[in-house]
Amino acid sequence: MDTTGALEAAEDRVFAALANGTRREVLRLLRDGGPQPVQALADHFDMRRPSLSEHLKVLREAGLVSEQRSGRQRIYQLEAAPLAEVQDWLHPYERFWRARMKGLGELLDRMPDDDPT
């Protein structure tokens, strides 16, 4: 696989990881609460630990979390760098929608107010 193909595959893994609500919630928990052991994360979900471990594996393979062992515990930490790639991809769409909303605002400002009296 060439460099471009490898980069696209990495981006696809990030987007695939973010497509799942449970994984997005794990990222939020790590963002808000800092590094956490698996059990602390699992306490937030109504699922068995092996199911959460599968979600963590997907996040790890996408580079969105890292894992450190501390004794028998596995501590997970958010790795936000791949999210910058998502932001770069979304930026043109944000500009598109801002321009559309600005145009809508200007149109609404030109319209006469409805006065029922």
PDB file of N, CA and C in Angstrom:
ATOM      1  N   MET A   1       0.843  -1.169   0.000  1.00  0.00           N
ATOM      2  CA  MET A   1       0.000   0.000   0.000  1.00  0.00           C
ATOM      3  C   MET A   1       0.891   1.236   0.000  1.00  0.00           C
ATOM      4  N   ASP A   2       0.591   2.204  -0.877  1.00  0.00           N
ATOM      5  CA  ASP A   2       1.399   3.423  -0.917  1.00  0.00           C
ATOM      6  C   ASP A   2       1.034   4.333   0.252  1.00  0.00           C
ATOM      7  N   THR A   3       1.763   5.432   0.395  1.00  0.00           N
ATOM      8  CA  THR A   3       1.560   6.336   1.529  1.00  0.00           C
ATOM      9  C   THR A   3       0.159   6.928   1.525  1.00  0.00           C
ATOM     10  N   THR A   4      -0.335   7.313   0.355  1.00  0.00           N
ATOM     11  CA  THR A   4      -1.672   7.886   0.266  1.00  0.00           C
ATOM     12  C   THR A   4      -2.717   6.862   0.689  1.00  0.00           C
ATOM     13  N   GLY A   5      -2.563   5.633   0.244  1.00  0.00           N
ATOM     14  CA  GLY A   5      -3.499   4.578   0.618  1.00  0.00           C
ATOM     15  C   GLY A   5      -3.479   4.295   2.108  1.00  0.00           C
ATOM     16  N   ALA A   6      -2.294   4.320   2.697  1.00  0.00           N
ATOM     17  CA  ALA A   6      -2.183   4.090   4.140  1.00  0.00           C
ATOM     18  C   ALA A   6      -2.850   5.224   4.921  1.00  0.00           C
ATOM     19  N   LEU A   7      -2.678   6.464   4.451  1.00  0.00           N
ATOM     20  CA  LEU A   7      -3.296   7.613   5.101  1.00  0.00           C
ATOM     21  C   LEU A   7      -4.814   7.531   5.008  1.00  0.00           C
ATOM     22  N   GLU A   8      -5.325   7.172   3.844  1.00  0.00           N
ATOM     23  CA  GLU A   8      -6.768   7.034   3.666  1.00  0.00           C
ATOM     24  C   GLU A   8      -7.325   5.919   4.543  1.00  0.00           C
ATOM     25  N   ALA A   9      -6.596   4.820   4.672  1.00  0.00           N
ATOM     26  CA  ALA A   9      -7.045   3.720   5.527  1.00  0.00           C
ATOM     27  C   ALA A   9      -7.100   4.162   6.981  1.00  0.00           C
ATOM     28  N   ALA A  10      -6.117   4.948   7.419  1.00  0.00           N
ATOM     29  CA  ALA A  10      -6.109   5.454   8.790  1.00  0.00           C
ATOM     30  C   ALA A  10      -7.293   6.389   9.020  1.00  0.00           C
ATOM     31  N   GLU A  11      -7.566   7.264   8.062  1.00  0.00           N
ATOM     32  CA  GLU A  11      -8.711   8.167   8.174  1.00  0.00           C
ATOM     33  C   GLU A  11     -10.015   7.379   8.208  1.00  0.00           C
ATOM     34  N   ASP A  12     -10.120   6.346   7.389  1.00  0.00           N
ATOM     35  CA  ASP A  12     -11.321   5.508   7.387  1.00  0.00           C
ATOM     36  C   ASP A  12     -11.525   4.842   8.746  1.00  0.00           C
ATOM     37  N   ARG A  13     -10.436   4.404   9.387  1.00  0.00           N
ATOM     38  CA  ARG A  13     -10.555   3.791  10.716  1.00  0.00           C
ATOM     39  C   ARG A  13     -11.067   4.801  11.737  1.00  0.00           C
ATOM     40  N   VAL A  14     -10.598   6.044  11.643  1.00  0.00           N
ATOM     41  CA  VAL A  14     -11.049   7.087  12.570  1.00  0.00           C
ATOM     42  C   VAL A  14     -12.539   7.347  12.366  1.00  0.00           C
ATOM     43  N   PHE A  15     -12.957   7.537  11.118  1.00  0.00           N
ATOM     44  CA  PHE A  15     -14.373   7.798  10.855  1.00  0.00           C
ATOM     45  C   PHE A  15     -15.242   6.601  11.250  1.00  0.00           C
ATOM     46  N   ALA A  16     -14.784   5.396  11.002  1.00  0.00           N
ATOM     47  CA  ALA A  16     -15.533   4.200  11.394  1.00  0.00           C
ATOM     48  C   ALA A  16     -15.653   4.126  12.915  1.00  0.00           C
ATOM     49  N   ALA A  17     -14.588   4.466  13.620  1.00  0.00           N
ATOM     50  CA  ALA A  17     -14.627   4.442  15.081  1.00  0.00           C
ATOM     51  C   ALA A  17     -15.625   5.471  15.608  1.00  0.00           C
ATOM     52  N   LEU A  18     -15.655   6.641  14.998  1.00  0.00           N
ATOM     53  CA  LEU A  18     -16.545   7.708  15.447  1.00  0.00           C
ATOM     54  C   LEU A  18     -17.999   7.469  15.065  1.00  0.00           C
ATOM     55  N   ALA A  19     -18.245   6.531  14.183  1.00  0.00           N
ATOM     56  CA  ALA A  19     -19.612   6.258  13.726  1.00  0.00           C
ATOM     57  C   ALA A  19     -20.472   5.607  14.801  1.00  0.00           C
ATOM     58  N   ASN A  20     -19.864   5.112  15.854  1.00  0.00           N
ATOM     59  CA  ASN A  20     -20.592   4.392  16.887  1.00  0.00           C
ATOM     60  C   ASN A  20     -20.768   5.271  18.134  1.00  0.00           C
ATOM     61  N   GLY A  21     -21.996   5.360  18.628  1.00  0.00           N
ATOM     62  CA  GLY A  21     -22.304   6.196  19.780  1.00  0.00           C
ATOM     63  C   GLY A  21     -21.572   5.794  21.051  1.00  0.00           C
ATOM     64  N   THR A  22     -21.417   4.497  21.271  1.00  0.00           N
ATOM     65  CA  THR A  22     -20.700   4.035  22.465  1.00  0.00           C
ATOM     66  C   THR A  22     -19.261   4.514  22.429  1.00  0.00           C
ATOM     67  N   ARG A  23     -18.629   4.405  21.272  1.00  0.00           N
ATOM     68  CA  ARG A  23     -17.237   4.836  21.164  1.00  0.00           C
ATOM     69  C   ARG A  23     -17.107   6.349  21.325  1.00  0.00           C
ATOM     70  N   ARG A  24     -18.076   7.108  20.789  1.00  0.00           N
ATOM     71  CA  ARG A  24     -18.036   8.562  20.987  1.00  0.00           C
ATOM     72  C   ARG A  24     -18.184   8.900  22.471  1.00  0.00           C
ATOM     73  N   GLU A  25     -19.031   8.147  23.176  1.00  0.00           N
ATOM     74  CA  GLU A  25     -19.205   8.382  24.609  1.00  0.00           C
ATOM     75  C   GLU A  25     -17.932   8.039  25.374  1.00  0.00           C
ATOM     76  N   VAL A  26     -17.242   6.977  24.998  1.00  0.00           N
ATOM     77  CA  VAL A  26     -15.962   6.638  25.637  1.00  0.00           C
ATOM     78  C   VAL A  26     -14.984   7.800  25.453  1.00  0.00           C
ATOM     79  N   LEU A  27     -14.914   8.343  24.261  1.00  0.00           N
ATOM     80  CA  LEU A  27     -14.010   9.473  24.016  1.00  0.00           C
ATOM     81  C   LEU A  27     -14.393  10.673  24.874  1.00  0.00           C
ATOM     82  N   ARG A  28     -15.693  10.922  25.008  1.00  0.00           N
ATOM     83  CA  ARG A  28     -16.149  12.038  25.846  1.00  0.00           C
ATOM     84  C   ARG A  28     -15.747  11.816  27.303  1.00  0.00           C
ATOM     85  N   LEU A  29     -15.929  10.587  27.782  1.00  0.00           N
ATOM     86  CA  LEU A  29     -15.555  10.270  29.162  1.00  0.00           C
ATOM     87  C   LEU A  29     -14.059  10.478  29.393  1.00  0.00           C
ATOM     88  N   LEU A  30     -13.256  10.072  28.437  1.00  0.00           N
ATOM     89  CA  LEU A  30     -11.809  10.253  28.564  1.00  0.00           C
ATOM     90  C   LEU A  30     -11.418  11.723  28.444  1.00  0.00           C
ATOM     91  N   ARG A  31     -12.118  12.451  27.594  1.00  0.00           N
ATOM     92  CA  ARG A  31     -11.852  13.890  27.454  1.00  0.00           C
ATOM     93  C   ARG A  31     -12.178  14.609  28.752  1.00  0.00           C
ATOM     94  N   ASP A  32     -13.341  14.321  29.313  1.00  0.00           N
ATOM     95  CA  ASP A  32     -13.798  15.034  30.500  1.00  0.00           C
ATOM     96  C   ASP A  32     -13.144  14.540  31.791  1.00  0.00           C
ATOM     97  N   GLY A  33     -12.848  13.236  31.858  1.00  0.00           N
ATOM     98  CA  GLY A  33     -12.351  12.662  33.103  1.00  0.00           C
ATOM     99  C   GLY A  33     -10.898  12.272  33.112  1.00  0.00           C
ATOM    100  N   GLY A  34     -10.225  12.452  31.988  1.00  0.00           N
ATOM    101  CA  GLY A  34      -8.823  12.063  31.917  1.00  0.00           C
ATOM    102  C   GLY A  34      -8.664  10.555  31.823  1.00  0.00           C
ATOM    103  N   PRO A  35      -7.428  10.075  31.900  1.00  0.00           N
ATOM    104  CA  PRO A  35      -7.161   8.631  31.791  1.00  0.00           C
ATOM    105  C   PRO A  35      -7.953   7.846  32.830  1.00  0.00           C
ATOM    106  N   GLN A  36      -8.487   6.693  32.394  1.00  0.00           N
ATOM    107  CA  GLN A  36      -9.335   5.887  33.273  1.00  0.00           C
ATOM    108  C   GLN A  36      -9.111   4.411  33.023  1.00  0.00           C
ATOM    109  N   PRO A  37      -9.259   3.610  34.094  1.00  0.00           N
ATOM    110  CA  PRO A  37      -9.192   2.158  33.905  1.00  0.00           C
ATOM    111  C   PRO A  37     -10.457   1.651  33.210  1.00  0.00           C
ATOM    112  N   VAL A  38     -10.354   0.479  32.617  1.00  0.00           N
ATOM    113  CA  VAL A  38     -11.475  -0.113  31.886  1.00  0.00           C
ATOM    114  C   VAL A  38     -12.716  -0.189  32.768  1.00  0.00           C
ATOM    115  N   GLN A  39     -12.566  -0.612  34.005  1.00  0.00           N
ATOM    116  CA  GLN A  39     -13.745  -0.782  34.865  1.00  0.00           C
ATOM    117  C   GLN A  39     -14.474   0.534  35.096  1.00  0.00           C
ATOM    118  N   ALA A  40     -13.737   1.623  35.269  1.00  0.00           N
ATOM    119  CA  ALA A  40     -14.377   2.930  35.456  1.00  0.00           C
ATOM    120  C   ALA A  40     -15.167   3.313  34.213  1.00  0.00           C
ATOM    121  N   LEU A  41     -14.629   3.013  33.046  1.00  0.00           N
ATOM    122  CA  LEU A  41     -15.361   3.281  31.804  1.00  0.00           C
ATOM    123  C   LEU A  41     -16.574   2.370  31.702  1.00  0.00           C
ATOM    124  N   ALA A  42     -16.388   1.093  32.017  1.00  0.00           N
ATOM    125  CA  ALA A  42     -17.467   0.107  31.901  1.00  0.00           C
ATOM    126  C   ALA A  42     -18.648   0.461  32.798  1.00  0.00           C
ATOM    127  N   ASP A  43     -18.385   1.103  33.931  1.00  0.00           N
ATOM    128  CA  ASP A  43     -19.452   1.470  34.857  1.00  0.00           C
ATOM    129  C   ASP A  43     -20.468   2.427  34.242  1.00  0.00           C
ATOM    130  N   HIS A  44     -20.098   3.091  33.150  1.00  0.00           N
ATOM    131  CA  HIS A  44     -20.983   4.046  32.486  1.00  0.00           C
ATOM    132  C   HIS A  44     -21.902   3.394  31.454  1.00  0.00           C
ATOM    133  N   PHE A  45     -21.710   2.112  31.208  1.00  0.00           N
ATOM    134  CA  PHE A  45     -22.453   1.454  30.134  1.00  0.00           C
ATOM    135  C   PHE A  45     -23.187   0.231  30.647  1.00  0.00           C
ATOM    136  N   ASP A  46     -24.290  -0.069  29.993  1.00  0.00           N
ATOM    137  CA  ASP A  46     -25.059  -1.266  30.309  1.00  0.00           C
ATOM    138  C   ASP A  46     -24.646  -2.369  29.334  1.00  0.00           C
ATOM    139  N   MET A  47     -23.408  -2.819  29.491  1.00  0.00           N
ATOM    140  CA  MET A  47     -22.895  -3.900  28.638  1.00  0.00           C
ATOM    141  C   MET A  47     -21.809  -4.636  29.402  1.00  0.00           C
ATOM    142  N   ARG A  48     -21.532  -5.819  28.952  1.00  0.00           N
ATOM    143  CA  ARG A  48     -20.470  -6.607  29.574  1.00  0.00           C
ATOM    144  C   ARG A  48     -19.116  -6.015  29.205  1.00  0.00           C
ATOM    145  N   ARG A  49     -18.155  -6.252  30.081  1.00  0.00           N
ATOM    146  CA  ARG A  49     -16.811  -5.715  29.851  1.00  0.00           C
ATOM    147  C   ARG A  49     -16.190  -6.189  28.538  1.00  0.00           C
ATOM    148  N   PRO A  50     -16.371  -7.455  28.124  1.00  0.00           N
ATOM    149  CA  PRO A  50     -15.792  -7.852  26.828  1.00  0.00           C
ATOM    150  C   PRO A  50     -16.339  -7.031  25.653  1.00  0.00           C
ATOM    151  N   SER A  51     -17.609  -6.638  25.735  1.00  0.00           N
ATOM    152  CA  SER A  51     -18.173  -5.805  24.666  1.00  0.00           C
ATOM    153  C   SER A  51     -17.509  -4.437  24.654  1.00  0.00           C
ATOM    154  N   LEU A  52     -17.309  -3.853  25.839  1.00  0.00           N
ATOM    155  CA  LEU A  52     -16.624  -2.565  25.904  1.00  0.00           C
ATOM    156  C   LEU A  52     -15.188  -2.713  25.425  1.00  0.00           C
ATOM    157  N   SER A  53     -14.555  -3.821  25.751  1.00  0.00           N
ATOM    158  CA  SER A  53     -13.174  -4.056  25.297  1.00  0.00           C
ATOM    159  C   SER A  53     -13.076  -4.062  23.778  1.00  0.00           C
ATOM    160  N   GLU A  54     -14.110  -4.570  23.115  1.00  0.00           N
ATOM    161  CA  GLU A  54     -14.120  -4.540  21.641  1.00  0.00           C
ATOM    162  C   GLU A  54     -14.173  -3.101  21.133  1.00  0.00           C
ATOM    163  N   HIS A  55     -14.984  -2.267  21.775  1.00  0.00           N
ATOM    164  CA  HIS A  55     -15.050  -0.847  21.395  1.00  0.00           C
ATOM    165  C   HIS A  55     -13.702  -0.168  21.636  1.00  0.00           C
ATOM    166  N   LEU A  56     -13.084  -0.480  22.764  1.00  0.00           N
ATOM    167  CA  LEU A  56     -11.770   0.104  23.061  1.00  0.00           C
ATOM    168  C   LEU A  56     -10.721  -0.343  22.053  1.00  0.00           C
ATOM    169  N   LYS A  57     -10.813  -1.583  21.595  1.00  0.00           N
ATOM    170  CA  LYS A  57      -9.881  -2.079  20.576  1.00  0.00           C
ATOM    171  C   LYS A  57     -10.022  -1.279  19.288  1.00  0.00           C
ATOM    172  N   VAL A  58     -11.264  -1.010  18.870  1.00  0.00           N
ATOM    173  CA  VAL A  58     -11.492  -0.219  17.656  1.00  0.00           C
ATOM    174  C   VAL A  58     -10.905   1.183  17.828  1.00  0.00           C
ATOM    175  N   LEU A  59     -11.138   1.784  18.984  1.00  0.00           N
ATOM    176  CA  LEU A  59     -10.590   3.118  19.249  1.00  0.00           C
ATOM    177  C   LEU A  59      -9.064   3.107  19.269  1.00  0.00           C
ATOM    178  N   ARG A  60      -8.490   2.057  19.833  1.00  0.00           N
ATOM    179  CA  ARG A  60      -7.022   1.916  19.880  1.00  0.00           C
ATOM    180  C   ARG A  60      -6.462   1.779  18.469  1.00  0.00           C
ATOM    181  N   GLU A  61      -7.086   0.928  17.653  1.00  0.00           N
ATOM    182  CA  GLU A  61      -6.604   0.714  16.279  1.00  0.00           C
ATOM    183  C   GLU A  61      -6.747   1.969  15.425  1.00  0.00           C
ATOM    184  N   ALA A  62      -7.701   2.826  15.773  1.00  0.00           N
ATOM    185  CA  ALA A  62      -7.870   4.092  15.054  1.00  0.00           C
ATOM    186  C   ALA A  62      -6.926   5.169  15.579  1.00  0.00           C
ATOM    187  N   GLY A  63      -6.199   4.864  16.660  1.00  0.00           N
ATOM    188  CA  GLY A  63      -5.268   5.828  17.232  1.00  0.00           C
ATOM    189  C   GLY A  63      -5.938   6.866  18.114  1.00  0.00           C
ATOM    190  N   LEU A  64      -7.207   6.644  18.480  1.00  0.00           N
ATOM    191  CA  LEU A  64      -7.948   7.620  19.270  1.00  0.00           C
ATOM    192  C   LEU A  64      -7.757   7.455  20.773  1.00  0.00           C
ATOM    193  N   VAL A  65      -7.302   6.283  21.195  1.00  0.00           N
ATOM    194  CA  VAL A  65      -6.967   6.059  22.606  1.00  0.00           C
ATOM    195  C   VAL A  65      -5.664   5.285  22.673  1.00  0.00           C
ATOM    196  N   SER A  66      -4.992   5.434  23.796  1.00  0.00           N
ATOM    197  CA  SER A  66      -3.818   4.608  24.071  1.00  0.00           C
ATOM    198  C   SER A  66      -4.080   3.854  25.361  1.00  0.00           C
ATOM    199  N   GLU A  67      -3.345   2.775  25.523  1.00  0.00           N
ATOM    200  CA  GLU A  67      -3.542   1.899  26.673  1.00  0.00           C
ATOM    201  C   GLU A  67      -2.210   1.740  27.399  1.00  0.00           C
ATOM    202  N   GLN A  68      -2.271   1.860  28.719  1.00  0.00           N
ATOM    203  CA  GLN A  68      -1.099   1.587  29.553  1.00  0.00           C
ATOM    204  C   GLN A  68      -1.513   0.601  30.618  1.00  0.00           C
ATOM    205  N   ARG A  69      -0.613  -0.303  30.917  1.00  0.00           N
ATOM    206  CA  ARG A  69      -0.883  -1.252  31.996  1.00  0.00           C
ATOM    207  C   ARG A  69      -0.305  -0.707  33.287  1.00  0.00           C
ATOM    208  N   SER A  70      -1.107  -0.836  34.325  1.00  0.00           N
ATOM    209  CA  SER A  70      -0.680  -0.455  35.664  1.00  0.00           C
ATOM    210  C   SER A  70      -1.073  -1.619  36.567  1.00  0.00           C
ATOM    211  N   GLY A  71      -0.109  -2.512  36.810  1.00  0.00           N
ATOM    212  CA  GLY A  71      -0.430  -3.746  37.527  1.00  0.00           C
ATOM    213  C   GLY A  71      -1.361  -4.587  36.668  1.00  0.00           C
ATOM    214  N   ARG A  72      -2.510  -4.928  37.230  1.00  0.00           N
ATOM    215  CA  ARG A  72      -3.486  -5.722  36.473  1.00  0.00           C
ATOM    216  C   ARG A  72      -4.471  -4.857  35.695  1.00  0.00           C
ATOM    217  N   GLN A  73      -4.431  -3.556  35.931  1.00  0.00           N
ATOM    218  CA  GLN A  73      -5.371  -2.659  35.264  1.00  0.00           C
ATOM    219  C   GLN A  73      -4.833  -2.168  33.929  1.00  0.00           C
ATOM    220  N   ARG A  74      -5.775  -1.899  33.039  1.00  0.00           N
ATOM    221  CA  ARG A  74      -5.457  -1.224  31.779  1.00  0.00           C
ATOM    222  C   ARG A  74      -6.058   0.165  31.864  1.00  0.00           C
ATOM    223  N   ILE A  75      -5.214   1.153  31.720  1.00  0.00           N
ATOM    224  CA  ILE A  75      -5.634   2.553  31.801  1.00  0.00           C
ATOM    225  C   ILE A  75      -5.696   3.100  30.375  1.00  0.00           C
ATOM    226  N   TYR A  76      -6.840   3.688  30.038  1.00  0.00           N
ATOM    227  CA  TYR A  76      -7.028   4.251  28.705  1.00  0.00           C
ATOM    228  C   TYR A  76      -6.971   5.764  28.763  1.00  0.00           C
ATOM    229  N   GLN A  77      -6.367   6.335  27.720  1.00  0.00           N
ATOM    230  CA  GLN A  77      -6.188   7.778  27.622  1.00  0.00           C
ATOM    231  C   GLN A  77      -6.583   8.232  26.223  1.00  0.00           C
ATOM    232  N   LEU A  78      -7.232   9.384  26.133  1.00  0.00           N
ATOM    233  CA  LEU A  78      -7.612   9.970  24.855  1.00  0.00           C
ATOM    234  C   LEU A  78      -6.367  10.403  24.091  1.00  0.00           C
ATOM    235  N   GLU A  79      -6.344  10.108  22.819  1.00  0.00           N
ATOM    236  CA  GLU A  79      -5.308  10.589  21.892  1.00  0.00           C
ATOM    237  C   GLU A  79      -6.044  11.413  20.837  1.00  0.00           C
ATOM    238  N   ALA A  80      -6.048  12.714  20.989  1.00  0.00           N
ATOM    239  CA  ALA A  80      -6.898  13.581  20.182  1.00  0.00           C
ATOM    240  C   ALA A  80      -6.336  13.928  18.804  1.00  0.00           C
ATOM    241  N   ALA A  81      -5.076  13.639  18.536  1.00  0.00           N
ATOM    242  CA  ALA A  81      -4.467  14.052  17.259  1.00  0.00           C
ATOM    243  C   ALA A  81      -5.266  13.598  16.031  1.00  0.00           C
ATOM    244  N   PRO A  82      -5.747  12.351  15.973  1.00  0.00           N
ATOM    245  CA  PRO A  82      -6.521  11.961  14.787  1.00  0.00           C
ATOM    246  C   PRO A  82      -7.801  12.783  14.601  1.00  0.00           C
ATOM    247  N   LEU A  83      -8.306  13.389  15.673  1.00  0.00           N
ATOM    248  CA  LEU A  83      -9.508  14.209  15.540  1.00  0.00           C
ATOM    249  C   LEU A  83      -9.230  15.488  14.771  1.00  0.00           C
ATOM    250  N   ALA A  84      -7.980  15.925  14.748  1.00  0.00           N
ATOM    251  CA  ALA A  84      -7.618  17.102  13.949  1.00  0.00           C
ATOM    252  C   ALA A  84      -7.851  16.815  12.467  1.00  0.00           C
ATOM    253  N   GLU A  85      -7.598  15.586  12.040  1.00  0.00           N
ATOM    254  CA  GLU A  85      -7.852  15.204  10.648  1.00  0.00           C
ATOM    255  C   GLU A  85      -9.339  15.280  10.335  1.00  0.00           C
ATOM    256  N   VAL A  86     -10.168  14.879  11.288  1.00  0.00           N
ATOM    257  CA  VAL A  86     -11.616  14.965  11.106  1.00  0.00           C
ATOM    258  C   VAL A  86     -12.021  16.427  10.989  1.00  0.00           C
ATOM    259  N   GLN A  87     -11.477  17.260  11.870  1.00  0.00           N
ATOM    260  CA  GLN A  87     -11.775  18.690  11.817  1.00  0.00           C
ATOM    261  C   GLN A  87     -11.351  19.285  10.478  1.00  0.00           C
ATOM    262  N   ASP A  88     -10.188  18.899   9.982  1.00  0.00           N
ATOM    263  CA  ASP A  88      -9.730  19.391   8.674  1.00  0.00           C
ATOM    264  C   ASP A  88     -10.705  18.986   7.570  1.00  0.00           C
ATOM    265  N   TRP A  89     -11.224  17.782   7.665  1.00  0.00           N
ATOM    266  CA  TRP A  89     -12.163  17.293   6.653  1.00  0.00           C
ATOM    267  C   TRP A  89     -13.497  18.034   6.755  1.00  0.00           C
ATOM    268  N   LEU A  90     -13.932  18.334   7.977  1.00  0.00           N
ATOM    269  CA  LEU A  90     -15.222  18.986   8.190  1.00  0.00           C
ATOM    270  C   LEU A  90     -15.196  20.484   7.921  1.00  0.00           C
ATOM    271  N   HIS A  91     -14.034  21.094   7.991  1.00  0.00           N
ATOM    272  CA  HIS A  91     -13.923  22.551   7.886  1.00  0.00           C
ATOM    273  C   HIS A  91     -14.600  23.131   6.635  1.00  0.00           C
ATOM    274  N   PRO A  92     -14.389  22.589   5.443  1.00  0.00           N
ATOM    275  CA  PRO A  92     -15.072  23.157   4.272  1.00  0.00           C
ATOM    276  C   PRO A  92     -16.597  23.083   4.383  1.00  0.00           C
ATOM    277  N   TYR A  93     -17.113  22.057   5.030  1.00  0.00           N
ATOM    278  CA  TYR A  93     -18.560  21.936   5.201  1.00  0.00           C
ATOM    279  C   TYR A  93     -19.073  22.970   6.194  1.00  0.00           C
ATOM    280  N   GLU A  94     -18.281  23.253   7.199  1.00  0.00           N
ATOM    281  CA  GLU A  94     -18.641  24.293   8.162  1.00  0.00           C
ATOM    282  C   GLU A  94     -18.719  25.647   7.461  1.00  0.00           C
ATOM    283  N   ARG A  95     -17.728  25.947   6.610  1.00  0.00           N
ATOM    284  CA  ARG A  95     -17.758  27.198   5.845  1.00  0.00           C
ATOM    285  C   ARG A  95     -18.988  27.245   4.947  1.00  0.00           C
ATOM    286  N   PHE A  96     -19.311  26.113   4.296  1.00  0.00           N
ATOM    287  CA  PHE A  96     -20.476  26.025   3.420  1.00  0.00           C
ATOM    288  C   PHE A  96     -21.745  26.384   4.196  1.00  0.00           C
ATOM    289  N   TRP A  97     -21.944  25.765   5.355  1.00  0.00           N
ATOM    290  CA  TRP A  97     -23.169  25.999   6.125  1.00  0.00           C
ATOM    291  C   TRP A  97     -23.202  27.394   6.727  1.00  0.00           C
ATOM    292  N   ARG A  98     -22.065  27.930   7.115  1.00  0.00           N
ATOM    293  CA  ARG A  98     -22.050  29.308   7.616  1.00  0.00           C
ATOM    294  C   ARG A  98     -22.493  30.281   6.532  1.00  0.00           C
ATOM    295  N   ALA A  99     -22.003  30.072   5.315  1.00  0.00           N
ATOM    296  CA  ALA A  99     -22.393  30.941   4.199  1.00  0.00           C
ATOM    297  C   ALA A  99     -23.893  30.812   3.935  1.00  0.00           C
ATOM    298  N   ARG A 100     -24.407  29.597   3.995  1.00  0.00           N
ATOM    299  CA  ARG A 100     -25.850  29.385   3.789  1.00  0.00           C
ATOM    300  C   ARG A 100     -26.670  30.077   4.879  1.00  0.00           C
ATOM    301  N   MET A 101     -26.245  29.943   6.122  1.00  0.00           N
ATOM    302  CA  MET A 101     -26.970  30.557   7.228  1.00  0.00           C
ATOM    303  C   MET A 101     -26.899  32.086   7.151  1.00  0.00           C
ATOM    304  N   LYS A 102     -25.761  32.602   6.725  1.00  0.00           N
ATOM    305  CA  LYS A 102     -25.628  34.055   6.569  1.00  0.00           C
ATOM    306  C   LYS A 102     -26.605  34.540   5.505  1.00  0.00           C
ATOM    307  N   GLY A 103     -26.676  33.808   4.391  1.00  0.00           N
ATOM    308  CA  GLY A 103     -27.611  34.168   3.326  1.00  0.00           C
ATOM    309  C   GLY A 103     -29.053  34.107   3.799  1.00  0.00           C
ATOM    310  N   LEU A 104     -29.385  33.093   4.583  1.00  0.00           N
ATOM    311  CA  LEU A 104     -30.742  32.973   5.119  1.00  0.00           C
ATOM    312  C   LEU A 104     -31.038  34.133   6.057  1.00  0.00           C
ATOM    313  N   GLY A 105     -30.076  34.482   6.902  1.00  0.00           N
ATOM    314  CA  GLY A 105     -30.257  35.609   7.815  1.00  0.00           C
ATOM    315  C   GLY A 105     -30.495  36.908   7.068  1.00  0.00           C
ATOM    316  N   GLU A 106     -29.736  37.122   5.991  1.00  0.00           N
ATOM    317  CA  GLU A 106     -29.908  38.341   5.199  1.00  0.00           C
ATOM    318  C   GLU A 106     -31.280  38.367   4.540  1.00  0.00           C
ATOM    319  N   LEU A 107     -31.741  37.219   4.039  1.00  0.00           N
ATOM    320  CA  LEU A 107     -33.065  37.132   3.432  1.00  0.00           C
ATOM    321  C   LEU A 107     -34.149  37.437   4.464  1.00  0.00           C
ATOM    322  N   LEU A 108     -34.037  36.855   5.647  1.00  0.00           N
ATOM    323  CA  LEU A 108     -35.035  37.102   6.693  1.00  0.00           C
ATOM    324  C   LEU A 108     -35.034  38.555   7.145  1.00  0.00           C
ATOM    325  N   ASP A 109     -33.864  39.183   7.166  1.00  0.00           N
ATOM    326  CA  ASP A 109     -33.790  40.590   7.545  1.00  0.00           C
ATOM    327  C   ASP A 109     -34.494  41.484   6.519  1.00  0.00           C
ATOM    328  N   ARG A 110     -34.524  41.088   5.264  1.00  0.00           N
ATOM    329  CA  ARG A 110     -35.156  41.873   4.204  1.00  0.00           C
ATOM    330  C   ARG A 110     -36.673  41.681   4.166  1.00  0.00           C
ATOM    331  N   MET A 111     -37.160  40.615   4.757  1.00  0.00           N
ATOM    332  CA  MET A 111     -38.592  40.320   4.712  1.00  0.00           C
ATOM    333  C   MET A 111     -39.327  41.201   5.720  1.00  0.00           C
ATOM    334  N   PRO A 112     -40.525  41.656   5.325  1.00  0.00           N
ATOM    335  CA  PRO A 112     -41.295  42.466   6.273  1.00  0.00           C
ATOM    336  C   PRO A 112     -41.800  41.588   7.422  1.00  0.00           C
ATOM    337  N   ASP A 113     -41.876  42.216   8.597  1.00  0.00           N
ATOM    338  CA  ASP A 113     -42.401  41.505   9.758  1.00  0.00           C
ATOM    339  C   ASP A 113     -43.896  41.338   9.587  1.00  0.00           C
ATOM    340  N   ASP A 114     -44.420  40.213   9.993  1.00  0.00           N
ATOM    341  CA  ASP A 114     -45.859  40.002   9.989  1.00  0.00           C
ATOM    342  C   ASP A 114     -46.422  40.682  11.224  1.00  0.00           C
ATOM    343  N   ASP A 115     -47.327  41.612  11.013  1.00  0.00           N
ATOM    344  CA  ASP A 115     -47.947  42.322  12.127  1.00  0.00           C
ATOM    345  C   ASP A 115     -49.425  41.990  12.092  1.00  0.00           C
ATOM    346  N   PRO A 116     -49.895  41.137  13.026  1.00  0.00           N
ATOM    347  CA  PRO A 116     -51.273  40.689  12.976  1.00  0.00           C
ATOM    348  C   PRO A 116     -52.283  41.761  13.355  1.00  0.00           C
ATOM    349  N   THR A 117     -51.851  42.926  13.845  1.00  0.00           N
ATOM    350  CA  THR A 117     -52.805  43.964  14.252  1.00  0.00           C
ATOM    351  C   THR A 117     -53.181  44.884  13.136  1.00  0.00           C
TER     352      THR A 117
END
